[in-house]
Amino acid sequence: MIIETERLILRPIDPERDFEAWARSMADESTVRYLATKPMSRAEAWRNMAAVIGHWSIRGYGFFSLEHKESGNWVGRVGPWYPEGWPEPEVGWTISPDHRRKGYAAEAARASIDYVFTTLGWPSLVHVILEGNEPSIALAKTLGSTLLREQQGLPGVTDEKVLIFGQTNPAFT
């Protein structure tokens, strides 16, 4: 499964190609701060990557690795996500600190939203965002999502308040 946008290739995660950049991103405090985790060691980042790859096996979809078309650099991970305990199917994003504020999250999230609505046939989607994550709140709004509700924590993930933004598939309205 590969999706191309103007500047990005959304492709399956490739541990051989992606792990070094993935591990650097997951070790970065500013990257993981709103993922409800502490900076990860290499071993923790490897297990995190393995869990994301495993999500594909269990659900048939999951986060894509984002590859910059021109440079081939790993930009981040974006895509559909619905692990056990999640409130609803989500399109989520995590962008490497080297590639933030360039519009990559919006570009990849738009492509992912199109994928889940047209290919997977989801009737709706959410974005689960920790309170205080203003860049992700702004992105959710840019993508056309609205605040649906607030929730105190996610079981097994965090006790912090989460904001649940979402939107409905236009084909279902």
C-alpha atoms as a PDB file:
ATOM      1  CA  MET A   1       0.000   0.000   0.000  1.00  0.00           C
ATOM      2  CA  ILE A   2       1.603   3.240  -1.158  1.00  0.00           C
ATOM      3  CA  ILE A   3       0.053   6.684  -1.384  1.00  0.00           C
ATOM      4  CA  GLU A   4       1.812   9.594  -3.045  1.00  0.00           C
ATOM      5  CA  THR A   5       1.222  13.272  -2.371  1.00  0.00           C
ATOM      6  CA  GLU A   6       2.935  16.280  -3.876  1.00  0.00           C
ATOM      7  CA  ARG A   7       6.022  15.951  -1.661  1.00  0.00           C
ATOM      8  CA  LEU A   8       5.636  12.664   0.202  1.00  0.00           C
ATOM      9  CA  ILE A   9       5.376   8.920  -0.207  1.00  0.00           C
ATOM     10  CA  LEU A  10       3.197   7.229   2.412  1.00  0.00           C
ATOM     11  CA  ARG A  11       4.445   3.648   2.510  1.00  0.00           C
ATOM     12  CA  PRO A  12       4.698   0.638   4.793  1.00  0.00           C
ATOM     13  CA  ILE A  13       7.177   0.959   7.613  1.00  0.00           C
ATOM     14  CA  ASP A  14      10.548  -0.515   6.689  1.00  0.00           C
ATOM     15  CA  PRO A  15      12.591  -1.221   9.834  1.00  0.00           C
ATOM     16  CA  GLU A  16      15.867  -1.343   7.890  1.00  0.00           C
ATOM     17  CA  ARG A  17      15.321   2.081   6.310  1.00  0.00           C
ATOM     18  CA  ASP A  18      13.289   3.824   9.005  1.00  0.00           C
ATOM     19  CA  PHE A  19      14.542   2.729  12.397  1.00  0.00           C
ATOM     20  CA  GLU A  20      17.420   5.176  12.928  1.00  0.00           C
ATOM     21  CA  ALA A  21      15.237   8.236  12.257  1.00  0.00           C
ATOM     22  CA  TRP A  22      12.325   6.638  14.158  1.00  0.00           C
ATOM     23  CA  ALA A  23      14.553   6.031  17.196  1.00  0.00           C
ATOM     24  CA  ARG A  24      15.910   9.605  17.110  1.00  0.00           C
ATOM     25  CA  SER A  25      12.360  10.964  16.955  1.00  0.00           C
ATOM     26  CA  MET A  26      11.093   8.777  19.790  1.00  0.00           C
ATOM     27  CA  ALA A  27      14.078   9.817  21.933  1.00  0.00           C
ATOM     28  CA  ASP A  28      13.209  13.502  21.448  1.00  0.00           C
ATOM     29  CA  GLU A  29      11.294  15.058  24.361  1.00  0.00           C
ATOM     30  CA  SER A  30       9.432  17.529  22.152  1.00  0.00           C
ATOM     31  CA  THR A  31       8.259  14.712  19.870  1.00  0.00           C
ATOM     32  CA  VAL A  32       6.955  12.312  22.510  1.00  0.00           C
ATOM     33  CA  ARG A  33       5.658  14.897  24.978  1.00  0.00           C
ATOM     34  CA  TYR A  34       2.137  14.674  23.575  1.00  0.00           C
ATOM     35  CA  LEU A  35       2.267  10.931  22.883  1.00  0.00           C
ATOM     36  CA  ALA A  36       1.781  10.300  26.616  1.00  0.00           C
ATOM     37  CA  THR A  37       5.227   8.755  26.964  1.00  0.00           C
ATOM     38  CA  LYS A  38       8.706   9.673  28.034  1.00  0.00           C
ATOM     39  CA  PRO A  39      11.609   9.798  25.594  1.00  0.00           C
ATOM     40  CA  MET A  40      12.345   6.264  24.482  1.00  0.00           C
ATOM     41  CA  SER A  41      15.574   4.297  24.489  1.00  0.00           C
ATOM     42  CA  ARG A  42      16.519   2.535  21.261  1.00  0.00           C
ATOM     43  CA  ALA A  43      15.045  -0.703  22.617  1.00  0.00           C
ATOM     44  CA  GLU A  44      11.782   1.051  23.527  1.00  0.00           C
ATOM     45  CA  ALA A  45      11.641   2.728  20.112  1.00  0.00           C
ATOM     46  CA  TRP A  46      12.175  -0.670  18.461  1.00  0.00           C
ATOM     47  CA  ARG A  47       9.261  -2.143  20.437  1.00  0.00           C
ATOM     48  CA  ASN A  48       7.164   0.899  19.540  1.00  0.00           C
ATOM     49  CA  MET A  49       7.916   0.379  15.851  1.00  0.00           C
ATOM     50  CA  ALA A  50       7.142  -3.338  16.185  1.00  0.00           C
ATOM     51  CA  ALA A  51       3.770  -2.510  17.779  1.00  0.00           C
ATOM     52  CA  VAL A  52       2.900  -0.180  14.903  1.00  0.00           C
ATOM     53  CA  ILE A  53       3.903  -2.831  12.348  1.00  0.00           C
ATOM     54  CA  GLY A  54       1.870  -5.385  14.313  1.00  0.00           C
ATOM     55  CA  HIS A  55      -1.176  -3.091  14.144  1.00  0.00           C
ATOM     56  CA  TRP A  56      -1.102  -3.587  10.359  1.00  0.00           C
ATOM     57  CA  SER A  57      -1.236  -7.364  10.849  1.00  0.00           C
ATOM     58  CA  ILE A  58      -4.108  -7.175  13.319  1.00  0.00           C
ATOM     59  CA  ARG A  59      -6.255  -4.448  11.739  1.00  0.00           C
ATOM     60  CA  GLY A  60      -5.142  -4.498   8.101  1.00  0.00           C
ATOM     61  CA  TYR A  61      -4.121  -0.838   8.263  1.00  0.00           C
ATOM     62  CA  GLY A  62      -1.909   1.394  10.384  1.00  0.00           C
ATOM     63  CA  PHE A  63       0.524   4.254  10.406  1.00  0.00           C
ATOM     64  CA  PHE A  64       2.465   4.841   7.218  1.00  0.00           C
ATOM     65  CA  SER A  65       6.093   5.896   7.164  1.00  0.00           C
ATOM     66  CA  LEU A  66       6.417   9.237   5.427  1.00  0.00           C
ATOM     67  CA  GLU A  67       9.273   9.486   2.993  1.00  0.00           C
ATOM     68  CA  HIS A  68      10.248  12.796   1.422  1.00  0.00           C
ATOM     69  CA  LYS A  69      10.142  12.268  -2.348  1.00  0.00           C
ATOM     70  CA  GLU A  70      13.218  14.333  -3.206  1.00  0.00           C
ATOM     71  CA  SER A  71      15.556  13.468  -0.344  1.00  0.00           C
ATOM     72  CA  GLY A  72      14.305  10.010   0.634  1.00  0.00           C
ATOM     73  CA  ASN A  73      14.421  11.119   4.286  1.00  0.00           C
ATOM     74  CA  TRP A  74      12.039   9.665   6.860  1.00  0.00           C
ATOM     75  CA  VAL A  75       9.664  12.483   7.812  1.00  0.00           C
ATOM     76  CA  GLY A  76       7.429  10.768  10.367  1.00  0.00           C
ATOM     77  CA  ARG A  77       4.433   8.489  10.676  1.00  0.00           C
ATOM     78  CA  VAL A  78       0.855   9.337   9.801  1.00  0.00           C
ATOM     79  CA  GLY A  79      -2.235   7.273   9.206  1.00  0.00           C
ATOM     80  CA  PRO A  80      -5.078   5.195  10.541  1.00  0.00           C
ATOM     81  CA  TRP A  81      -4.771   3.876  14.081  1.00  0.00           C
ATOM     82  CA  TYR A  82      -7.211   1.950  16.268  1.00  0.00           C
ATOM     83  CA  PRO A  83      -5.486   0.044  19.075  1.00  0.00           C
ATOM     84  CA  GLU A  84      -7.384  -1.706  21.839  1.00  0.00           C
ATOM     85  CA  GLY A  85      -8.857   0.837  24.261  1.00  0.00           C
ATOM     86  CA  TRP A  86      -8.961   3.672  21.725  1.00  0.00           C
ATOM     87  CA  PRO A  87     -12.274   5.553  21.679  1.00  0.00           C
ATOM     88  CA  GLU A  88     -12.799   5.270  17.895  1.00  0.00           C
ATOM     89  CA  PRO A  89     -10.736   4.755  14.730  1.00  0.00           C
ATOM     90  CA  GLU A  90      -8.248   7.601  14.386  1.00  0.00           C
ATOM     91  CA  VAL A  91      -6.028   9.294  11.851  1.00  0.00           C
ATOM     92  CA  GLY A  92      -2.971  10.350  13.817  1.00  0.00           C
ATOM     93  CA  TRP A  93       0.427  11.866  13.174  1.00  0.00           C
ATOM     94  CA  THR A  94       3.939  12.150  14.574  1.00  0.00           C
ATOM     95  CA  ILE A  95       6.469  14.220  12.659  1.00  0.00           C
ATOM     96  CA  SER A  96      10.231  14.047  13.149  1.00  0.00           C
ATOM     97  CA  PRO A  97      11.679  17.168  14.798  1.00  0.00           C
ATOM     98  CA  ASP A  98      13.798  17.686  11.659  1.00  0.00           C
ATOM     99  CA  HIS A  99      10.675  18.079   9.509  1.00  0.00           C
ATOM    100  CA  ARG A 100       8.161  20.054  11.561  1.00  0.00           C
ATOM    101  CA  ARG A 101       6.445  23.257  10.441  1.00  0.00           C
ATOM    102  CA  LYS A 102       6.694  22.388   6.741  1.00  0.00           C
ATOM    103  CA  GLY A 103       3.106  21.232   6.228  1.00  0.00           C
ATOM    104  CA  TYR A 104       3.988  17.537   5.983  1.00  0.00           C
ATOM    105  CA  ALA A 105       1.554  16.449   8.712  1.00  0.00           C
ATOM    106  CA  ALA A 106      -1.346  18.207   6.978  1.00  0.00           C
ATOM    107  CA  GLU A 107      -0.383  16.847   3.560  1.00  0.00           C
ATOM    108  CA  ALA A 108      -0.084  13.262   4.813  1.00  0.00           C
ATOM    109  CA  ALA A 109      -3.132  13.466   7.090  1.00  0.00           C
ATOM    110  CA  ARG A 110      -5.311  14.685   4.209  1.00  0.00           C
ATOM    111  CA  ALA A 111      -4.159  11.723   2.113  1.00  0.00           C
ATOM    112  CA  SER A 112      -4.791   9.377   5.050  1.00  0.00           C
ATOM    113  CA  ILE A 113      -8.277  10.778   5.604  1.00  0.00           C
ATOM    114  CA  ASP A 114      -9.065  10.242   1.940  1.00  0.00           C
ATOM    115  CA  TYR A 115      -7.725   6.667   2.241  1.00  0.00           C
ATOM    116  CA  VAL A 116      -9.817   5.752   5.299  1.00  0.00           C
ATOM    117  CA  PHE A 117     -12.975   7.310   3.870  1.00  0.00           C
ATOM    118  CA  THR A 118     -12.703   6.024   0.286  1.00  0.00           C
ATOM    119  CA  THR A 119     -10.713   2.782   0.599  1.00  0.00           C
ATOM    120  CA  LEU A 120     -11.484   1.576   4.120  1.00  0.00           C
ATOM    121  CA  GLY A 121     -15.005   3.017   4.099  1.00  0.00           C
ATOM    122  CA  TRP A 122     -14.910   4.453   7.597  1.00  0.00           C
ATOM    123  CA  PRO A 123     -18.085   6.413   8.387  1.00  0.00           C
ATOM    124  CA  SER A 124     -16.128   8.772  10.651  1.00  0.00           C
ATOM    125  CA  LEU A 125     -12.739   9.289  12.263  1.00  0.00           C
ATOM    126  CA  VAL A 126     -11.216  10.995  15.264  1.00  0.00           C
ATOM    127  CA  HIS A 127      -7.949  12.583  16.313  1.00  0.00           C
ATOM    128  CA  VAL A 128      -7.102  11.904  19.978  1.00  0.00           C
ATOM    129  CA  ILE A 129      -5.041  14.861  21.202  1.00  0.00           C
ATOM    130  CA  LEU A 130      -3.596  15.478  24.651  1.00  0.00           C
ATOM    131  CA  GLU A 131      -4.798  18.726  26.158  1.00  0.00           C
ATOM    132  CA  GLY A 132      -2.260  21.489  25.501  1.00  0.00           C
ATOM    133  CA  ASN A 133      -1.004  20.160  22.166  1.00  0.00           C
ATOM    134  CA  GLU A 134      -1.862  23.349  20.311  1.00  0.00           C
ATOM    135  CA  PRO A 135      -0.150  22.438  17.001  1.00  0.00           C
ATOM    136  CA  SER A 136      -2.183  19.210  16.739  1.00  0.00           C
ATOM    137  CA  ILE A 137      -5.387  20.995  17.738  1.00  0.00           C
ATOM    138  CA  ALA A 138      -4.758  23.548  14.986  1.00  0.00           C
ATOM    139  CA  LEU A 139      -4.029  20.764  12.480  1.00  0.00           C
ATOM    140  CA  ALA A 140      -7.208  18.878  13.402  1.00  0.00           C
ATOM    141  CA  LYS A 141      -9.211  22.045  12.749  1.00  0.00           C
ATOM    142  CA  THR A 142      -7.361  22.661   9.470  1.00  0.00           C
ATOM    143  CA  LEU A 143      -8.319  19.139   8.405  1.00  0.00           C
ATOM    144  CA  GLY A 144     -11.983  19.957   8.993  1.00  0.00           C
ATOM    145  CA  SER A 145     -12.395  18.205  12.323  1.00  0.00           C
ATOM    146  CA  THR A 146     -14.274  19.708  15.247  1.00  0.00           C
ATOM    147  CA  LEU A 147     -14.063  19.070  18.985  1.00  0.00           C
ATOM    148  CA  LEU A 148     -16.465  16.220  19.746  1.00  0.00           C
ATOM    149  CA  ARG A 149     -15.731  15.737  23.441  1.00  0.00           C
ATOM    150  CA  GLU A 150     -13.145  15.704  26.197  1.00  0.00           C
ATOM    151  CA  GLN A 151     -12.217  12.591  28.131  1.00  0.00           C
ATOM    152  CA  GLN A 152     -10.130  12.051  31.230  1.00  0.00           C
ATOM    153  CA  GLY A 153      -7.391   9.719  30.087  1.00  0.00           C
ATOM    154  CA  LEU A 154      -7.100   6.683  27.845  1.00  0.00           C
ATOM    155  CA  PRO A 155      -7.005   3.268  29.543  1.00  0.00           C
ATOM    156  CA  GLY A 156      -3.459   1.940  29.690  1.00  0.00           C
ATOM    157  CA  VAL A 157      -2.064   5.025  27.947  1.00  0.00           C
ATOM    158  CA  THR A 158      -2.511   8.165  30.049  1.00  0.00           C
ATOM    159  CA  ASP A 159      -4.484   9.656  32.905  1.00  0.00           C
ATOM    160  CA  GLU A 160      -4.244  13.117  31.321  1.00  0.00           C
ATOM    161  CA  LYS A 161      -7.212  14.810  29.677  1.00  0.00           C
ATOM    162  CA  VAL A 162      -7.574  14.105  25.973  1.00  0.00           C
ATOM    163  CA  LEU A 163      -9.501  16.108  23.417  1.00  0.00           C
ATOM    164  CA  ILE A 164     -11.299  14.095  20.779  1.00  0.00           C
ATOM    165  CA  PHE A 165     -11.691  15.902  17.481  1.00  0.00           C
ATOM    166  CA  GLY A 166     -13.451  14.229  14.597  1.00  0.00           C
ATOM    167  CA  GLN A 167     -15.285  14.371  11.324  1.00  0.00           C
ATOM    168  CA  THR A 168     -17.813  12.355   9.365  1.00  0.00           C
ATOM    169  CA  ASN A 169     -17.206  10.790   5.974  1.00  0.00           C
ATOM    170  CA  PRO A 170     -19.029  13.053   3.465  1.00  0.00           C
ATOM    171  CA  ALA A 171     -20.380   9.922   1.753  1.00  0.00           C
ATOM    172  CA  PHE A 172     -22.326   9.150   4.933  1.00  0.00           C
ATOM    173  CA  THR A 173     -23.996  12.558   5.343  1.00  0.00           C
END
